[in-house]
Amino acid sequence: MQKRDAKKGTGLDELFLKVGLYRHSEDLRELFLFIRKFPRLAPYNAFLIHIQKPGCQFVAEEDVWLNKYNRRVIPGSRPLVILWPFAPVHFVFDLEDTEGEPLPDEVLHPFRTFGRLDQKIFHRLTGNLRCYGIEYHEADYGPGMGGCIAKAKGSPIVRDGGKRYRMPYTMIVNRKHCWEEKFATIAHELGHLFCGHLGNPLMDLWPDRSSCDLQVREFEAESVSWLVCERAGIYTPSEKYLSGYLYKHDEIPSISLESVLRAAGWIEKMMAGSLPVRKELRIKDEDYK
């Protein structure tokens, strides 16, 4: 399997770094607020919609507009392109390209109030941590410490369905915090992992970006946490960090926007349902002897 090259930019990151799109603080803030409006779309697809039509209000497939919202696509309207599992692309249409009954207010404004996190989502997320080789623990930290993720010492091994798996990472979260605070901390620490800040010892899912400086690493992890929490409808402490930075600086650090959006999407999949343990983590019987 060919290793991912952290130095070779993706099309999105080249757009970000070379063209300068979204490098200005206000532009990135506007993008994140736009992505927040579309919790039913994967973060990357919401970004694609923003590239094509920044003023978009709400998108859906043609049959969804008709069957769910009793609206029809106006003939001649141009579709918007998003990525789709097991297919190259998929087509959706914006609200202004349809006609019919008004949309319910909760569809257009999904986050009028921020509520508490559903504990089922929290347990689903923590239950899926082992799928990426992460052992989860809680500890009694002081109020100023949320948690951390690090490479595990030694070679921890767990059993799942009669099979053995390596657990190369350990995550520790403050037991004294509420569900929402723990959730935000987990999203932040997963942001570090999925953005490649801890390297990539076993799984070739993300490039090794452990050489990134501290400012880039923290900005990316806070961005991931903000996107995940805001799209889940809960308050995130990342708001203070990002708002403070964007207010004080005209340009943001040289982050990988690709990594941020991909990480947020993976976390949302972990929140949605049970996932299998990555096959790269499995220990073969001959290796265990």
Protein backbone atom coordinates (compact mmCIF):
# COMPACT_ATOMS: atom_id res chain seq x y z
CA MET A 1 0.00 0.00 0.00
CA GLN A 2 1.36 3.38 -0.96
CA LYS A 3 2.01 5.67 1.97
CA ARG A 4 0.28 8.99 2.14
CA ASP A 5 2.69 11.86 1.58
CA ALA A 6 2.15 14.69 4.05
CA LYS A 7 4.15 17.07 1.85
CA LYS A 8 2.12 16.43 -1.27
CA GLY A 9 -0.86 18.76 -1.11
CA THR A 10 -4.37 17.75 -2.03
CA GLY A 11 -6.44 19.77 -4.45
CA LEU A 12 -8.26 21.38 -1.53
CA ASP A 13 -5.10 22.32 0.33
CA GLU A 14 -3.50 23.69 -2.84
CA LEU A 15 -6.59 25.83 -3.28
CA PHE A 16 -6.22 26.92 0.31
CA LEU A 17 -2.46 27.65 0.26
CA LYS A 18 -1.61 28.63 -3.31
CA VAL A 19 -4.77 30.41 -4.40
CA GLY A 20 -5.26 31.92 -0.95
CA LEU A 21 -8.95 31.01 -0.73
CA TYR A 22 -10.11 30.93 2.94
CA ARG A 23 -6.70 32.08 4.19
CA HIS A 24 -8.21 35.30 5.58
CA SER A 25 -9.74 34.94 9.01
CA GLU A 26 -13.14 36.36 8.06
CA ASP A 27 -13.39 34.04 5.04
CA LEU A 28 -12.65 30.95 7.11
CA ARG A 29 -15.13 31.99 9.80
CA GLU A 30 -17.80 32.46 7.15
CA LEU A 31 -17.00 29.02 5.71
CA PHE A 32 -17.25 27.31 9.11
CA LEU A 33 -20.57 29.02 9.87
CA PHE A 34 -21.83 27.87 6.47
CA ILE A 35 -20.77 24.25 7.12
CA ARG A 36 -22.49 24.45 10.51
CA LYS A 37 -25.81 25.19 8.73
CA PHE A 38 -25.79 21.82 6.96
CA PRO A 39 -25.60 19.10 9.67
CA ARG A 40 -27.28 16.61 7.31
CA LEU A 41 -24.36 16.88 4.89
CA ALA A 42 -20.86 15.59 5.55
CA PRO A 43 -18.52 18.52 6.31
CA TYR A 44 -16.63 18.01 3.05
CA ASN A 45 -19.86 18.07 1.02
CA ALA A 46 -20.99 21.22 2.80
CA PHE A 47 -17.66 22.75 1.78
CA LEU A 48 -18.27 21.73 -1.86
CA ILE A 49 -21.68 23.42 -1.74
CA HIS A 50 -20.02 26.59 -0.40
CA ILE A 51 -17.49 26.57 -3.24
CA GLN A 52 -20.28 26.35 -5.80
CA LYS A 53 -22.91 28.57 -4.17
CA PRO A 54 -21.88 30.46 -0.99
CA GLY A 55 -25.35 31.92 -0.42
CA CYS A 56 -27.07 28.53 -0.45
CA GLN A 57 -29.84 28.10 2.15
CA PHE A 58 -30.77 24.41 2.12
CA VAL A 59 -30.14 21.57 -0.36
CA ALA A 60 -31.77 18.24 -1.11
CA GLU A 61 -32.17 15.74 -3.93
CA GLU A 62 -34.97 16.28 -6.45
CA ASP A 63 -37.06 13.37 -5.13
CA VAL A 64 -36.61 14.54 -1.51
CA TRP A 65 -37.84 18.01 -2.42
CA LEU A 66 -40.95 16.48 -3.98
CA ASN A 67 -41.77 13.64 -1.60
CA LYS A 68 -40.71 15.12 1.75
CA TYR A 69 -41.19 18.86 1.33
CA ASN A 70 -43.81 18.97 -1.44
CA ARG A 71 -41.68 21.23 -3.61
CA ARG A 72 -40.64 20.73 -7.24
CA VAL A 73 -37.36 21.68 -8.87
CA ILE A 74 -37.86 24.55 -11.30
CA PRO A 75 -37.10 23.35 -14.85
CA GLY A 76 -33.69 24.51 -16.05
CA SER A 77 -32.22 24.83 -12.53
CA ARG A 78 -28.54 23.92 -12.25
CA PRO A 79 -27.75 21.14 -9.79
CA LEU A 80 -24.99 21.32 -7.19
CA VAL A 81 -22.45 18.49 -7.06
CA ILE A 82 -21.51 16.58 -3.91
CA LEU A 83 -19.59 13.34 -3.30
CA TRP A 84 -21.59 10.16 -2.70
CA PRO A 85 -20.67 6.69 -1.34
CA PHE A 86 -20.19 4.06 -4.07
CA ALA A 87 -20.71 6.67 -6.78
CA PRO A 88 -18.50 9.43 -8.19
CA VAL A 89 -20.91 12.31 -7.52
CA HIS A 90 -24.49 13.13 -6.54
CA PHE A 91 -26.73 16.06 -7.45
CA VAL A 92 -28.73 18.30 -5.11
CA PHE A 93 -30.70 21.53 -5.58
CA ASP A 94 -30.88 24.70 -3.50
CA LEU A 95 -34.12 25.96 -1.96
CA GLU A 96 -34.31 28.94 -4.33
CA ASP A 97 -34.30 26.54 -7.29
CA THR A 98 -37.53 24.91 -6.10
CA GLU A 99 -41.15 26.00 -5.70
CA GLY A 100 -44.04 24.77 -3.57
CA GLU A 101 -44.92 24.69 0.10
CA PRO A 102 -42.79 26.73 2.57
CA LEU A 103 -40.06 24.84 4.41
CA PRO A 104 -40.57 24.23 8.16
CA ASP A 105 -38.65 26.75 10.25
CA GLU A 106 -36.66 24.04 12.04
CA VAL A 107 -35.26 22.91 8.70
CA LEU A 108 -33.92 26.36 7.83
CA HIS A 109 -32.78 27.10 11.40
CA PRO A 110 -31.67 23.81 12.99
CA PHE A 111 -29.74 25.48 15.84
CA ARG A 112 -32.01 28.11 17.33
CA THR A 113 -31.24 26.72 20.78
CA PHE A 114 -28.30 24.68 21.97
CA GLY A 115 -29.38 21.70 24.05
CA ARG A 116 -27.70 18.95 25.97
CA LEU A 117 -25.89 16.10 24.29
CA ASP A 118 -27.78 12.85 23.87
CA GLN A 119 -25.89 10.36 26.05
CA LYS A 120 -26.47 7.65 23.42
CA ILE A 121 -24.34 9.67 21.00
CA PHE A 122 -21.62 10.05 23.63
CA HIS A 123 -21.49 6.32 24.34
CA ARG A 124 -21.61 5.54 20.63
CA LEU A 125 -18.58 7.79 20.09
CA THR A 126 -16.56 6.39 23.00
CA GLY A 127 -17.53 2.84 22.01
CA ASN A 128 -16.06 3.41 18.56
CA LEU A 129 -12.72 4.71 19.82
CA ARG A 130 -11.28 1.19 19.81
CA CYS A 131 -12.05 0.97 16.10
CA TYR A 132 -9.11 3.35 15.58
CA GLY A 133 -6.87 1.74 18.17
CA ILE A 134 -7.70 4.09 21.06
CA GLU A 135 -8.16 2.91 24.64
CA TYR A 136 -10.42 5.32 26.52
CA HIS A 137 -10.02 6.17 30.20
CA GLU A 138 -11.29 8.85 32.57
CA ALA A 139 -9.28 10.40 35.40
CA ASP A 140 -9.72 12.97 38.16
CA TYR A 141 -8.08 16.06 36.71
CA GLY A 142 -8.35 19.65 37.85
CA PRO A 143 -11.01 21.90 36.25
CA GLY A 144 -8.52 23.41 33.80
CA MET A 145 -7.54 20.07 32.23
CA GLY A 146 -9.85 18.51 29.66
CA GLY A 147 -7.86 15.50 28.56
CA CYS A 148 -5.16 14.22 26.25
CA ILE A 149 -4.31 11.61 23.66
CA ALA A 150 -0.91 10.00 23.26
CA LYS A 151 0.85 6.96 21.88
CA ALA A 152 0.34 4.09 24.28
CA LYS A 153 3.26 2.76 26.28
CA GLY A 154 4.15 -0.83 25.52
CA SER A 155 1.87 -2.81 23.22
CA PRO A 156 -1.68 -2.88 24.66
CA ILE A 157 -3.83 -5.63 23.19
CA VAL A 158 -7.61 -6.08 23.37
CA ARG A 159 -9.89 -8.91 22.31
CA ASP A 160 -12.94 -8.41 20.11
CA GLY A 161 -14.97 -11.31 18.75
CA GLY A 162 -12.21 -13.79 19.49
CA LYS A 163 -9.63 -11.71 17.62
CA ARG A 164 -6.72 -9.71 19.03
CA TYR A 165 -6.07 -6.06 18.17
CA ARG A 166 -3.31 -3.59 18.95
CA MET A 167 -4.28 -0.37 20.70
CA PRO A 168 -1.52 2.13 19.76
CA TYR A 169 -3.18 5.15 21.41
CA THR A 170 -4.49 6.08 24.86
CA MET A 171 -7.03 8.84 25.49
CA ILE A 172 -7.69 10.17 28.99
CA VAL A 173 -10.58 12.57 29.69
CA ASN A 174 -11.48 14.50 32.83
CA ARG A 175 -14.04 12.45 34.77
CA LYS A 176 -15.32 15.53 36.59
CA HIS A 177 -16.55 17.25 33.42
CA CYS A 178 -20.12 17.04 32.13
CA TRP A 179 -21.09 15.00 29.05
CA GLU A 180 -20.82 17.99 26.73
CA GLU A 181 -17.37 18.97 27.99
CA LYS A 182 -16.12 15.40 27.65
CA PHE A 183 -17.56 15.23 24.13
CA ALA A 184 -15.79 18.44 23.10
CA THR A 185 -12.51 17.15 24.57
CA ILE A 186 -12.81 13.84 22.72
CA ALA A 187 -13.52 15.68 19.45
CA HIS A 188 -10.45 17.88 20.04
CA GLU A 189 -8.16 14.93 20.77
CA LEU A 190 -9.50 12.97 17.80
CA GLY A 191 -8.81 16.08 15.75
CA HIS A 192 -5.14 15.77 16.72
CA LEU A 193 -5.07 12.08 15.80
CA PHE A 194 -6.99 12.28 12.51
CA CYS A 195 -5.05 15.35 11.37
CA GLY A 196 -1.86 13.30 11.69
CA HIS A 197 -0.34 15.16 14.64
CA LEU A 198 0.59 11.89 16.39
CA GLY A 199 2.03 10.35 13.25
CA ASN A 200 0.64 7.22 11.67
CA PRO A 201 2.34 4.07 13.02
CA LEU A 202 -0.11 1.43 11.78
CA MET A 203 -3.00 2.80 9.75
CA ASP A 204 -2.46 4.48 6.41
CA LEU A 205 -5.58 6.62 6.79
CA TRP A 206 -3.95 10.00 7.22
CA PRO A 207 -0.48 11.41 6.47
CA ASP A 208 2.15 11.78 9.18
CA ARG A 209 1.98 15.49 10.06
CA SER A 210 3.72 15.25 13.43
CA SER A 211 6.21 17.88 12.30
CA CYS A 212 3.53 20.61 12.24
CA ASP A 213 4.19 23.41 14.70
CA LEU A 214 2.12 23.80 17.85
CA GLN A 215 0.02 26.68 16.51
CA VAL A 216 -1.07 24.69 13.45
CA ARG A 217 -1.83 21.58 15.52
CA GLU A 218 -3.96 23.46 18.04
CA PHE A 219 -5.81 25.49 15.42
CA GLU A 220 -6.69 22.33 13.49
CA ALA A 221 -7.82 20.41 16.58
CA GLU A 222 -9.91 23.33 17.83
CA SER A 223 -11.45 23.71 14.36
CA VAL A 224 -12.41 20.03 14.31
CA SER A 225 -13.95 20.25 17.77
CA TRP A 226 -15.86 23.42 16.88
CA LEU A 227 -17.33 21.93 13.70
CA VAL A 228 -18.37 18.66 15.34
CA CYS A 229 -19.88 20.27 18.43
CA GLU A 230 -21.67 23.07 16.61
CA ARG A 231 -23.16 20.67 14.06
CA ALA A 232 -24.32 18.46 16.97
CA GLY A 233 -26.08 21.46 18.49
CA ILE A 234 -24.01 21.81 21.67
CA TYR A 235 -21.80 24.57 23.00
CA THR A 236 -18.07 24.18 22.43
CA PRO A 237 -15.25 25.93 24.32
CA SER A 238 -13.36 26.03 20.99
CA GLU A 239 -15.45 29.09 20.16
CA LYS A 240 -13.31 31.26 22.47
CA TYR A 241 -10.05 30.04 20.98
CA LEU A 242 -11.10 30.39 17.35
CA SER A 243 -12.93 33.69 17.80
CA GLY A 244 -9.97 35.16 19.70
CA TYR A 245 -7.50 34.08 17.04
CA LEU A 246 -9.62 35.16 14.08
CA TYR A 247 -10.24 38.53 15.71
CA LYS A 248 -6.54 39.21 16.37
CA HIS A 249 -5.11 37.94 13.09
CA ASP A 250 -5.94 38.78 9.49
CA GLU A 251 -4.70 35.42 8.25
CA ILE A 252 -4.87 31.99 9.82
CA PRO A 253 -1.95 29.53 10.21
CA SER A 254 -1.00 27.31 7.26
CA ILE A 255 -3.38 24.55 8.28
CA SER A 256 -4.61 21.63 6.18
CA LEU A 257 -8.29 22.38 5.59
CA GLU A 258 -8.54 18.95 3.97
CA SER A 259 -7.44 17.31 7.23
CA VAL A 260 -9.87 19.34 9.34
CA LEU A 261 -12.91 18.52 7.20
CA ARG A 262 -11.95 14.86 6.88
CA ALA A 263 -11.42 14.53 10.66
CA ALA A 264 -14.78 16.13 11.45
CA GLY A 265 -16.48 13.76 9.01
CA TRP A 266 -14.88 10.68 10.56
CA ILE A 267 -15.95 11.73 14.06
CA GLU A 268 -19.53 12.23 12.89
CA LYS A 269 -19.51 8.70 11.46
CA MET A 270 -18.34 7.45 14.86
CA MET A 271 -21.32 9.25 16.41
CA ALA A 272 -23.80 7.72 13.96
CA GLY A 273 -23.41 3.96 14.46
CA SER A 274 -21.23 1.02 15.42
CA LEU A 275 -18.02 0.64 13.40
CA PRO A 276 -15.70 -2.38 13.00
CA VAL A 277 -12.17 -2.32 14.38
CA ARG A 278 -9.73 -1.36 11.65
CA LYS A 279 -8.22 -4.48 10.05
CA GLU A 280 -4.76 -2.88 10.16
CA LEU A 281 -4.87 -3.25 13.97
CA ARG A 282 -5.52 -6.99 13.99
CA ILE A 283 -2.79 -9.25 15.32
CA LYS A 284 -2.47 -12.42 13.29
CA ASP A 285 -2.10 -15.67 15.22
CA GLU A 286 1.39 -16.26 13.87
CA ASP A 287 2.45 -12.78 15.05
CA TYR A 288 1.12 -13.41 18.55
CA LYS A 289 3.10 -16.59 19.16
